[in-house]
Amino acid sequence: MVNQLEFKKRRDFGQVINDTFTFMRQNFKPLIKTYFTFCGLFVLASMAAMLMQQYKMVNIINTIGNGRNTTGIGFGSLYGIEYFLTILFSLATYASMSVAILSYIAIYVQKGNQTPTTDEVWGYFKYYFFRVFGNSLLLMLMLGVAFIFCLVPGFWLFPFVAMMFPIMVIENGSLGYSFNRSFKIIKDNFWVTFGTLVVVWIIVYACMSMVILPTSLLNMVSMFGRKSPHMSVTLSMITTVLQSLCQVFTIIPIITISLAYFSLVEQKENTGLMERISNFGSNEKPVDSRPEEY
């Protein structure tokens, strides 16, 4: 029997990345079930908004390419209701994914590395979703401003913002508490945390690109293979659907930041070590004393 992954332990850069995929392999089916159960509706809403936005943009490009657009492109043409719905539902999708996977991990750890049930995850999800979603709007705005005015502050804030979400769910932290706690545990470990997240996101984007690349290339060939630029509506729609489905890969960095969180907490506070010492000689598994309903 394969031993289940232990979260509460110190890990270096390579161990965090390796254990990310170990945990994915050991919990693949329940993780995918959790993802589609709690995030499926948001993914579909985001996909619908993206399809409307893409259809609109393809028509604009084809109209310009055929020389039928003589009035130019206005602000409303580029940034209509579809554009803002795409942003809103994309944020909701990421928030729901973060809450669902982090809730799964929090219960997994509390149950002594045992797979959570859907009802247990739902108890956490309905309690934390609106908190995380509301706070994510503020945090994404802060990151956006930091990247727009100067790239360095945006990259510097990135690991601290990413670490806030596990703190919100695992420690039941408020926005202010999670912000301060994030800086506290990442202190003296910034570059390791930053490098780990960058490597994992590169892997995620590479996986997404492998899925999306064929239709994107075909669309480019069809666009520039004519006398006037013309994008294929069908290929553009297929690419958009694939982009939405590829959001499932975002589970990977959520697991990575969770492992990094437990590793940093263990380095500074030794909570896992103290638990193992207190449970030494006992064969009983830790009991989840947290109520399932909120």
C-alpha atoms as a PDB file:
ATOM      1  CA  MET A   1       0.000   0.000   0.000  1.00  0.00           C
ATOM      2  CA  VAL A   2       1.362   3.423  -1.000  1.00  0.00           C
ATOM      3  CA  ASN A   3       1.834   5.831   1.891  1.00  0.00           C
ATOM      4  CA  GLN A   4      -0.251   8.979   1.515  1.00  0.00           C
ATOM      5  CA  LEU A   5       1.610  12.252   1.191  1.00  0.00           C
ATOM      6  CA  GLU A   6       2.372  14.083   4.428  1.00  0.00           C
ATOM      7  CA  PHE A   7       1.903  17.864   4.141  1.00  0.00           C
ATOM      8  CA  LYS A   8       3.305  19.005   7.496  1.00  0.00           C
ATOM      9  CA  LYS A   9       7.015  18.628   6.833  1.00  0.00           C
ATOM     10  CA  ARG A  10       9.919  20.717   5.616  1.00  0.00           C
ATOM     11  CA  ARG A  11      10.649  20.590   1.908  1.00  0.00           C
ATOM     12  CA  ASP A  12      13.239  22.126  -0.365  1.00  0.00           C
ATOM     13  CA  PHE A  13      12.635  23.494  -3.864  1.00  0.00           C
ATOM     14  CA  GLY A  14      12.737  20.133  -5.643  1.00  0.00           C
ATOM     15  CA  GLN A  15      10.718  18.277  -3.027  1.00  0.00           C
ATOM     16  CA  VAL A  16       7.842  20.784  -3.261  1.00  0.00           C
ATOM     17  CA  ILE A  17       7.622  20.317  -7.033  1.00  0.00           C
ATOM     18  CA  ASN A  18       8.016  16.527  -6.897  1.00  0.00           C
ATOM     19  CA  ASP A  19       5.436  16.150  -4.122  1.00  0.00           C
ATOM     20  CA  THR A  20       3.002  18.328  -6.073  1.00  0.00           C
ATOM     21  CA  PHE A  21       2.796  15.681  -8.772  1.00  0.00           C
ATOM     22  CA  THR A  22       2.913  12.858  -6.213  1.00  0.00           C
ATOM     23  CA  PHE A  23      -0.181  14.269  -4.520  1.00  0.00           C
ATOM     24  CA  MET A  24      -1.866  14.720  -7.904  1.00  0.00           C
ATOM     25  CA  ARG A  25      -1.150  11.104  -8.789  1.00  0.00           C
ATOM     26  CA  GLN A  26      -2.372   9.747  -5.449  1.00  0.00           C
ATOM     27  CA  ASN A  27      -5.565  11.835  -5.440  1.00  0.00           C
ATOM     28  CA  PHE A  28      -6.237  12.287  -9.147  1.00  0.00           C
ATOM     29  CA  LYS A  29      -9.821  10.995  -9.299  1.00  0.00           C
ATOM     30  CA  PRO A  30     -11.170  12.743  -6.164  1.00  0.00           C
ATOM     31  CA  LEU A  31      -9.404  15.989  -7.137  1.00  0.00           C
ATOM     32  CA  ILE A  32     -10.926  15.956 -10.626  1.00  0.00           C
ATOM     33  CA  LYS A  33     -14.322  15.127  -9.136  1.00  0.00           C
ATOM     34  CA  THR A  34     -13.975  18.034  -6.691  1.00  0.00           C
ATOM     35  CA  TYR A  35     -12.951  20.347  -9.520  1.00  0.00           C
ATOM     36  CA  PHE A  36     -15.914  19.589 -11.774  1.00  0.00           C
ATOM     37  CA  THR A  37     -18.396  19.425  -8.885  1.00  0.00           C
ATOM     38  CA  PHE A  38     -17.581  22.848  -7.459  1.00  0.00           C
ATOM     39  CA  CYS A  39     -16.050  24.677 -10.420  1.00  0.00           C
ATOM     40  CA  GLY A  40     -17.923  23.229 -13.409  1.00  0.00           C
ATOM     41  CA  LEU A  41     -20.673  25.882 -13.451  1.00  0.00           C
ATOM     42  CA  PHE A  42     -18.140  28.725 -13.276  1.00  0.00           C
ATOM     43  CA  VAL A  43     -16.041  27.153 -16.036  1.00  0.00           C
ATOM     44  CA  LEU A  44     -19.089  26.913 -18.307  1.00  0.00           C
ATOM     45  CA  ALA A  45     -20.089  30.529 -17.581  1.00  0.00           C
ATOM     46  CA  SER A  46     -16.545  31.707 -18.273  1.00  0.00           C
ATOM     47  CA  MET A  47     -16.437  29.650 -21.469  1.00  0.00           C
ATOM     48  CA  ALA A  48     -19.728  31.147 -22.706  1.00  0.00           C
ATOM     49  CA  ALA A  49     -18.503  34.706 -22.067  1.00  0.00           C
ATOM     50  CA  MET A  50     -15.185  33.977 -23.778  1.00  0.00           C
ATOM     51  CA  LEU A  51     -16.969  32.487 -26.796  1.00  0.00           C
ATOM     52  CA  MET A  52     -19.116  35.609 -27.176  1.00  0.00           C
ATOM     53  CA  GLN A  53     -16.065  37.864 -26.855  1.00  0.00           C
ATOM     54  CA  GLN A  54     -14.030  35.788 -29.311  1.00  0.00           C
ATOM     55  CA  TYR A  55     -16.864  35.647 -31.850  1.00  0.00           C
ATOM     56  CA  LYS A  56     -17.150  39.431 -31.678  1.00  0.00           C
ATOM     57  CA  MET A  57     -13.395  39.954 -32.120  1.00  0.00           C
ATOM     58  CA  VAL A  58     -13.177  37.521 -35.055  1.00  0.00           C
ATOM     59  CA  ASN A  59     -15.976  39.361 -36.848  1.00  0.00           C
ATOM     60  CA  ILE A  60     -14.247  42.710 -36.260  1.00  0.00           C
ATOM     61  CA  ILE A  61     -10.925  41.393 -37.603  1.00  0.00           C
ATOM     62  CA  ASN A  62     -12.560  39.807 -40.644  1.00  0.00           C
ATOM     63  CA  THR A  63     -14.530  42.971 -41.354  1.00  0.00           C
ATOM     64  CA  ILE A  64     -11.351  45.051 -41.289  1.00  0.00           C
ATOM     65  CA  GLY A  65      -9.508  42.478 -43.409  1.00  0.00           C
ATOM     66  CA  ASN A  66     -12.217  42.562 -46.060  1.00  0.00           C
ATOM     67  CA  GLY A  67     -12.147  46.355 -46.145  1.00  0.00           C
ATOM     68  CA  ARG A  68     -15.765  46.712 -45.066  1.00  0.00           C
ATOM     69  CA  ASN A  69     -14.949  48.674 -41.900  1.00  0.00           C
ATOM     70  CA  THR A  70     -14.460  52.339 -42.789  1.00  0.00           C
ATOM     71  CA  THR A  71     -15.381  53.939 -39.443  1.00  0.00           C
ATOM     72  CA  GLY A  72     -12.631  52.408 -37.304  1.00  0.00           C
ATOM     73  CA  ILE A  73     -12.920  50.490 -34.067  1.00  0.00           C
ATOM     74  CA  GLY A  74     -14.591  52.175 -31.120  1.00  0.00           C
ATOM     75  CA  PHE A  75     -14.110  51.508 -27.416  1.00  0.00           C
ATOM     76  CA  GLY A  76     -17.516  49.824 -27.190  1.00  0.00           C
ATOM     77  CA  SER A  77     -16.639  47.451 -29.999  1.00  0.00           C
ATOM     78  CA  LEU A  78     -13.563  46.146 -28.198  1.00  0.00           C
ATOM     79  CA  TYR A  79     -14.729  46.349 -24.589  1.00  0.00           C
ATOM     80  CA  GLY A  80     -18.377  45.432 -24.537  1.00  0.00           C
ATOM     81  CA  ILE A  81     -20.340  43.539 -21.902  1.00  0.00           C
ATOM     82  CA  GLU A  82     -18.767  40.282 -23.098  1.00  0.00           C
ATOM     83  CA  TYR A  83     -15.299  41.518 -22.171  1.00  0.00           C
ATOM     84  CA  PHE A  84     -16.240  42.396 -18.595  1.00  0.00           C
ATOM     85  CA  LEU A  85     -18.253  39.186 -18.169  1.00  0.00           C
ATOM     86  CA  THR A  86     -15.192  37.234 -19.267  1.00  0.00           C
ATOM     87  CA  ILE A  87     -13.069  38.921 -16.590  1.00  0.00           C
ATOM     88  CA  LEU A  88     -15.736  38.449 -13.898  1.00  0.00           C
ATOM     89  CA  PHE A  89     -16.376  34.763 -14.602  1.00  0.00           C
ATOM     90  CA  SER A  90     -12.649  34.039 -15.017  1.00  0.00           C
ATOM     91  CA  LEU A  91     -12.001  35.446 -11.537  1.00  0.00           C
ATOM     92  CA  ALA A  92     -14.956  33.476 -10.167  1.00  0.00           C
ATOM     93  CA  THR A  93     -13.588  30.315 -11.772  1.00  0.00           C
ATOM     94  CA  TYR A  94     -10.157  30.773 -10.232  1.00  0.00           C
ATOM     95  CA  ALA A  95     -11.666  31.643  -6.836  1.00  0.00           C
ATOM     96  CA  SER A  96     -13.901  28.563  -6.881  1.00  0.00           C
ATOM     97  CA  MET A  97     -10.978  26.380  -7.951  1.00  0.00           C
ATOM     98  CA  SER A  98      -8.735  27.763  -5.212  1.00  0.00           C
ATOM     99  CA  VAL A  99     -11.392  27.291  -2.529  1.00  0.00           C
ATOM    100  CA  ALA A 100     -12.354  23.786  -3.678  1.00  0.00           C
ATOM    101  CA  ILE A 101      -8.786  22.426  -3.885  1.00  0.00           C
ATOM    102  CA  LEU A 102      -7.605  24.197  -0.721  1.00  0.00           C
ATOM    103  CA  SER A 103     -10.673  22.910   1.137  1.00  0.00           C
ATOM    104  CA  TYR A 104      -9.867  19.395  -0.078  1.00  0.00           C
ATOM    105  CA  ILE A 105      -6.280  19.750   1.186  1.00  0.00           C
ATOM    106  CA  ALA A 106      -7.315  21.278   4.536  1.00  0.00           C
ATOM    107  CA  ILE A 107      -9.700  18.393   5.249  1.00  0.00           C
ATOM    108  CA  TYR A 108      -7.180  15.845   3.923  1.00  0.00           C
ATOM    109  CA  VAL A 109      -4.617  17.087   6.462  1.00  0.00           C
ATOM    110  CA  GLN A 110      -7.108  17.238   9.341  1.00  0.00           C
ATOM    111  CA  LYS A 111      -8.300  13.690   8.656  1.00  0.00           C
ATOM    112  CA  GLY A 112      -4.774  12.304   8.861  1.00  0.00           C
ATOM    113  CA  ASN A 113      -4.120  12.134   5.102  1.00  0.00           C
ATOM    114  CA  GLN A 114      -7.479  10.576   4.273  1.00  0.00           C
ATOM    115  CA  THR A 115      -9.568  11.476   1.222  1.00  0.00           C
ATOM    116  CA  PRO A 116     -12.346  13.985   2.037  1.00  0.00           C
ATOM    117  CA  THR A 117     -15.949  13.420   1.020  1.00  0.00           C
ATOM    118  CA  THR A 118     -17.868  15.785  -1.245  1.00  0.00           C
ATOM    119  CA  ASP A 119     -20.072  16.862   1.674  1.00  0.00           C
ATOM    120  CA  GLU A 120     -17.026  17.757   3.749  1.00  0.00           C
ATOM    121  CA  VAL A 121     -15.561  19.847   0.937  1.00  0.00           C
ATOM    122  CA  TRP A 122     -18.934  21.526   0.402  1.00  0.00           C
ATOM    123  CA  GLY A 123     -18.994  22.586   4.074  1.00  0.00           C
ATOM    124  CA  TYR A 124     -15.737  24.473   3.557  1.00  0.00           C
ATOM    125  CA  PHE A 125     -16.555  25.695   0.045  1.00  0.00           C
ATOM    126  CA  LYS A 126     -19.798  27.494   0.897  1.00  0.00           C
ATOM    127  CA  TYR A 127     -18.134  29.126   3.915  1.00  0.00           C
ATOM    128  CA  TYR A 128     -15.031  30.447   2.132  1.00  0.00           C
ATOM    129  CA  PHE A 129     -16.041  31.061  -1.485  1.00  0.00           C
ATOM    130  CA  PHE A 130     -17.455  34.577  -1.221  1.00  0.00           C
ATOM    131  CA  ARG A 131     -14.637  35.646   1.115  1.00  0.00           C
ATOM    132  CA  VAL A 132     -11.976  34.433  -1.301  1.00  0.00           C
ATOM    133  CA  PHE A 133     -13.821  35.745  -4.372  1.00  0.00           C
ATOM    134  CA  GLY A 134     -14.299  39.217  -2.888  1.00  0.00           C
ATOM    135  CA  ASN A 135     -10.726  39.416  -1.662  1.00  0.00           C
ATOM    136  CA  SER A 136      -9.376  38.115  -4.969  1.00  0.00           C
ATOM    137  CA  LEU A 137     -10.924  41.098  -6.761  1.00  0.00           C
ATOM    138  CA  LEU A 138      -8.968  43.464  -4.528  1.00  0.00           C
ATOM    139  CA  LEU A 139      -5.769  41.422  -4.742  1.00  0.00           C
ATOM    140  CA  MET A 140      -5.901  41.100  -8.542  1.00  0.00           C
ATOM    141  CA  LEU A 141      -6.485  44.859  -8.798  1.00  0.00           C
ATOM    142  CA  MET A 142      -3.467  45.478  -6.566  1.00  0.00           C
ATOM    143  CA  LEU A 143      -1.305  43.135  -8.648  1.00  0.00           C
ATOM    144  CA  GLY A 144      -2.568  44.700 -11.870  1.00  0.00           C
ATOM    145  CA  VAL A 145      -1.640  48.204 -10.713  1.00  0.00           C
ATOM    146  CA  ALA A 146       1.786  46.957  -9.577  1.00  0.00           C
ATOM    147  CA  PHE A 147       2.481  45.338 -12.964  1.00  0.00           C
ATOM    148  CA  ILE A 148       1.205  48.331 -14.968  1.00  0.00           C
ATOM    149  CA  PHE A 149       3.279  50.996 -13.238  1.00  0.00           C
ATOM    150  CA  CYS A 150       6.383  48.884 -12.773  1.00  0.00           C
ATOM    151  CA  LEU A 151       6.926  45.181 -13.353  1.00  0.00           C
ATOM    152  CA  VAL A 152       9.242  44.656 -10.366  1.00  0.00           C
ATOM    153  CA  PRO A 153       6.615  45.366  -7.633  1.00  0.00           C
ATOM    154  CA  GLY A 154       4.180  43.030  -9.381  1.00  0.00           C
ATOM    155  CA  PHE A 155       6.657  40.149  -9.441  1.00  0.00           C
ATOM    156  CA  TRP A 156       7.661  40.903  -5.852  1.00  0.00           C
ATOM    157  CA  LEU A 157       4.050  40.825  -4.615  1.00  0.00           C
ATOM    158  CA  PHE A 158       3.125  37.704  -6.592  1.00  0.00           C
ATOM    159  CA  PRO A 159       4.274  35.012  -4.070  1.00  0.00           C
ATOM    160  CA  PHE A 160       2.820  36.928  -1.108  1.00  0.00           C
ATOM    161  CA  VAL A 161      -0.586  37.222  -2.794  1.00  0.00           C
ATOM    162  CA  ALA A 162      -0.521  33.552  -3.835  1.00  0.00           C
ATOM    163  CA  MET A 163       0.280  32.498  -0.251  1.00  0.00           C
ATOM    164  CA  MET A 164      -2.698  34.441   1.121  1.00  0.00           C
ATOM    165  CA  PHE A 165      -5.290  32.023  -0.277  1.00  0.00           C
ATOM    166  CA  PRO A 166      -4.065  28.928   1.645  1.00  0.00           C
ATOM    167  CA  ILE A 167      -3.932  31.049   4.800  1.00  0.00           C
ATOM    168  CA  MET A 168      -7.534  32.219   4.280  1.00  0.00           C
ATOM    169  CA  VAL A 169      -8.835  28.658   3.968  1.00  0.00           C
ATOM    170  CA  ILE A 170      -6.487  26.584   6.135  1.00  0.00           C
ATOM    171  CA  GLU A 171      -6.197  29.100   8.986  1.00  0.00           C
ATOM    172  CA  ASN A 172      -9.605  30.761   8.487  1.00  0.00           C
ATOM    173  CA  GLY A 173      -7.786  34.082   8.068  1.00  0.00           C
ATOM    174  CA  SER A 174      -9.226  37.472   7.207  1.00  0.00           C
ATOM    175  CA  LEU A 175      -7.719  39.605   4.437  1.00  0.00           C
ATOM    176  CA  GLY A 176      -5.576  41.636   6.848  1.00  0.00           C
ATOM    177  CA  TYR A 177      -4.452  38.610   8.845  1.00  0.00           C
ATOM    178  CA  SER A 178      -3.621  36.639   5.691  1.00  0.00           C
ATOM    179  CA  PHE A 179      -1.653  39.564   4.258  1.00  0.00           C
ATOM    180  CA  ASN A 180       0.501  39.940   7.397  1.00  0.00           C
ATOM    181  CA  ARG A 181       0.818  36.176   7.885  1.00  0.00           C
ATOM    182  CA  SER A 182       1.978  35.741   4.291  1.00  0.00           C
ATOM    183  CA  PHE A 183       4.814  38.226   4.734  1.00  0.00           C
ATOM    184  CA  LYS A 184       5.754  36.614   8.044  1.00  0.00           C
ATOM    185  CA  ILE A 185       6.141  33.046   6.787  1.00  0.00           C
ATOM    186  CA  ILE A 186       7.761  33.950   3.433  1.00  0.00           C
ATOM    187  CA  LYS A 187      10.321  36.216   5.109  1.00  0.00           C
ATOM    188  CA  ASP A 188      13.858  34.886   4.474  1.00  0.00           C
ATOM    189  CA  ASN A 189      12.415  32.365   1.939  1.00  0.00           C
ATOM    190  CA  PHE A 190      11.249  34.730  -0.795  1.00  0.00           C
ATOM    191  CA  TRP A 191      13.436  33.508  -3.648  1.00  0.00           C
ATOM    192  CA  VAL A 192      12.742  29.820  -2.995  1.00  0.00           C
ATOM    193  CA  THR A 193       8.979  30.462  -2.920  1.00  0.00           C
ATOM    194  CA  PHE A 194       9.113  32.730  -5.969  1.00  0.00           C
ATOM    195  CA  GLY A 195      11.264  30.301  -7.953  1.00  0.00           C
ATOM    196  CA  THR A 196       9.041  27.332  -7.084  1.00  0.00           C
ATOM    197  CA  LEU A 197       5.903  29.133  -8.267  1.00  0.00           C
ATOM    198  CA  VAL A 198       7.583  30.350 -11.465  1.00  0.00           C
ATOM    199  CA  VAL A 199       8.775  26.851 -12.394  1.00  0.00           C
ATOM    200  CA  VAL A 200       5.365  25.305 -11.728  1.00  0.00           C
ATOM    201  CA  TRP A 201       3.540  27.993 -13.719  1.00  0.00           C
ATOM    202  CA  ILE A 202       5.949  27.436 -16.631  1.00  0.00           C
ATOM    203  CA  ILE A 203       5.043  23.733 -16.529  1.00  0.00           C
ATOM    204  CA  VAL A 204       1.330  24.586 -16.428  1.00  0.00           C
ATOM    205  CA  TYR A 205       1.543  27.006 -19.356  1.00  0.00           C
ATOM    206  CA  ALA A 206       3.571  24.459 -21.333  1.00  0.00           C
ATOM    207  CA  CYS A 207       0.831  21.853 -20.782  1.00  0.00           C
ATOM    208  CA  MET A 208      -1.856  24.336 -21.829  1.00  0.00           C
ATOM    209  CA  SER A 209       0.107  25.342 -24.932  1.00  0.00           C
ATOM    210  CA  MET A 210       0.448  21.730 -26.050  1.00  0.00           C
ATOM    211  CA  VAL A 211      -3.345  21.414 -26.063  1.00  0.00           C
ATOM    212  CA  ILE A 212      -4.117  24.780 -27.656  1.00  0.00           C
ATOM    213  CA  LEU A 213      -1.200  25.044 -30.097  1.00  0.00           C
ATOM    214  CA  PRO A 214      -2.565  22.861 -32.967  1.00  0.00           C
ATOM    215  CA  THR A 215      -5.799  24.837 -33.442  1.00  0.00           C
ATOM    216  CA  SER A 216      -3.967  28.153 -32.917  1.00  0.00           C
ATOM    217  CA  LEU A 217      -1.469  27.303 -35.660  1.00  0.00           C
ATOM    218  CA  LEU A 218      -4.221  26.200 -38.020  1.00  0.00           C
ATOM    219  CA  ASN A 219      -6.049  29.463 -37.388  1.00  0.00           C
ATOM    220  CA  MET A 220      -2.901  31.483 -38.138  1.00  0.00           C
ATOM    221  CA  VAL A 221      -2.333  29.549 -41.354  1.00  0.00           C
ATOM    222  CA  SER A 222      -5.927  30.126 -42.485  1.00  0.00           C
ATOM    223  CA  MET A 223      -5.650  33.818 -41.555  1.00  0.00           C
ATOM    224  CA  PHE A 224      -2.443  34.656 -43.407  1.00  0.00           C
ATOM    225  CA  GLY A 225      -2.837  32.099 -46.189  1.00  0.00           C
ATOM    226  CA  ARG A 226      -5.230  34.404 -48.041  1.00  0.00           C
ATOM    227  CA  LYS A 227      -4.880  37.727 -49.843  1.00  0.00           C
ATOM    228  CA  SER A 228      -6.804  39.461 -47.044  1.00  0.00           C
ATOM    229  CA  PRO A 229      -6.575  38.475 -43.357  1.00  0.00           C
ATOM    230  CA  HIS A 230      -9.437  36.184 -42.410  1.00  0.00           C
ATOM    231  CA  MET A 231      -9.804  34.222 -39.161  1.00  0.00           C
ATOM    232  CA  SER A 232     -11.742  30.985 -39.005  1.00  0.00           C
ATOM    233  CA  VAL A 233     -14.713  31.298 -36.658  1.00  0.00           C
ATOM    234  CA  THR A 234     -14.814  27.539 -36.094  1.00  0.00           C
ATOM    235  CA  LEU A 235     -11.124  27.227 -35.190  1.00  0.00           C
ATOM    236  CA  SER A 236     -11.347  30.281 -32.943  1.00  0.00           C
ATOM    237  CA  MET A 237     -14.310  28.783 -31.083  1.00  0.00           C
ATOM    238  CA  ILE A 238     -12.528  25.434 -30.688  1.00  0.00           C
ATOM    239  CA  THR A 239      -9.423  27.188 -29.346  1.00  0.00           C
ATOM    240  CA  THR A 240     -11.542  29.119 -26.839  1.00  0.00           C
ATOM    241  CA  VAL A 241     -13.233  25.931 -25.603  1.00  0.00           C
ATOM    242  CA  LEU A 242      -9.856  24.234 -25.205  1.00  0.00           C
ATOM    243  CA  GLN A 243      -8.552  27.241 -23.261  1.00  0.00           C
ATOM    244  CA  SER A 244     -11.459  26.930 -20.850  1.00  0.00           C
ATOM    245  CA  LEU A 245     -10.990  23.193 -20.404  1.00  0.00           C
ATOM    246  CA  CYS A 246      -7.257  23.687 -19.834  1.00  0.00           C
ATOM    247  CA  GLN A 247      -8.009  25.638 -16.666  1.00  0.00           C
ATOM    248  CA  VAL A 248      -8.020  22.243 -14.941  1.00  0.00           C
ATOM    249  CA  PHE A 249      -4.199  22.434 -15.047  1.00  0.00           C
ATOM    250  CA  THR A 250      -4.414  25.312 -12.558  1.00  0.00           C
ATOM    251  CA  ILE A 251      -4.967  22.681  -9.863  1.00  0.00           C
ATOM    252  CA  ILE A 252      -1.200  22.068  -9.990  1.00  0.00           C
ATOM    253  CA  PRO A 253       0.029  25.484  -8.719  1.00  0.00           C
ATOM    254  CA  ILE A 254      -2.692  25.493  -6.034  1.00  0.00           C
ATOM    255  CA  ILE A 255      -1.259  22.235  -4.664  1.00  0.00           C
ATOM    256  CA  THR A 256       2.260  23.675  -4.968  1.00  0.00           C
ATOM    257  CA  ILE A 257       1.484  26.817  -2.943  1.00  0.00           C
ATOM    258  CA  SER A 258      -0.223  24.633  -0.313  1.00  0.00           C
ATOM    259  CA  LEU A 259       2.871  22.455   0.040  1.00  0.00           C
ATOM    260  CA  ALA A 260       5.038  25.582   0.206  1.00  0.00           C
ATOM    261  CA  TYR A 261       2.744  26.990   2.910  1.00  0.00           C
ATOM    262  CA  PHE A 262       3.034  23.903   5.122  1.00  0.00           C
ATOM    263  CA  SER A 263       6.788  23.714   4.535  1.00  0.00           C
ATOM    264  CA  LEU A 264       7.356  27.355   5.532  1.00  0.00           C
ATOM    265  CA  VAL A 265       5.103  27.052   8.592  1.00  0.00           C
ATOM    266  CA  GLU A 266       6.985  23.927   9.627  1.00  0.00           C
ATOM    267  CA  GLN A 267      10.325  25.713   9.276  1.00  0.00           C
ATOM    268  CA  LYS A 268       9.233  28.584  11.504  1.00  0.00           C
ATOM    269  CA  GLU A 269       6.854  26.918  13.960  1.00  0.00           C
ATOM    270  CA  ASN A 270       7.486  23.137  13.839  1.00  0.00           C
ATOM    271  CA  THR A 271       3.759  22.432  14.150  1.00  0.00           C
ATOM    272  CA  GLY A 272       3.964  19.064  12.397  1.00  0.00           C
ATOM    273  CA  LEU A 273       6.921  17.957  14.500  1.00  0.00           C
ATOM    274  CA  MET A 274       5.143  18.912  17.722  1.00  0.00           C
ATOM    275  CA  GLU A 275       2.040  16.967  16.617  1.00  0.00           C
ATOM    276  CA  ARG A 276       4.115  13.884  15.854  1.00  0.00           C
ATOM    277  CA  ILE A 277       5.801  14.130  19.253  1.00  0.00           C
ATOM    278  CA  SER A 278       2.468  14.520  21.053  1.00  0.00           C
ATOM    279  CA  ASN A 279       1.023  11.546  19.125  1.00  0.00           C
ATOM    280  CA  PHE A 280       4.086   9.363  19.656  1.00  0.00           C
ATOM    281  CA  GLY A 281       3.070   5.890  20.767  1.00  0.00           C
ATOM    282  CA  SER A 282      -0.547   6.420  19.783  1.00  0.00           C
ATOM    283  CA  ASN A 283      -2.079   4.504  16.918  1.00  0.00           C
ATOM    284  CA  GLU A 284      -5.137   6.697  16.732  1.00  0.00           C
ATOM    285  CA  LYS A 285      -5.539   8.964  13.749  1.00  0.00           C
ATOM    286  CA  PRO A 286      -6.103  12.681  14.269  1.00  0.00           C
ATOM    287  CA  VAL A 287      -9.771  13.521  14.656  1.00  0.00           C
ATOM    288  CA  ASP A 288     -11.343  16.320  12.573  1.00  0.00           C
ATOM    289  CA  SER A 289     -13.062  18.377  15.245  1.00  0.00           C
ATOM    290  CA  ARG A 290     -14.153  21.114  12.856  1.00  0.00           C
ATOM    291  CA  PRO A 291     -17.915  21.114  12.084  1.00  0.00           C
ATOM    292  CA  GLU A 292     -18.881  20.229   8.556  1.00  0.00           C
ATOM    293  CA  GLU A 293     -21.590  22.874   8.379  1.00  0.00           C
ATOM    294  CA  TYR A 294     -21.176  26.562   8.922  1.00  0.00           C
END
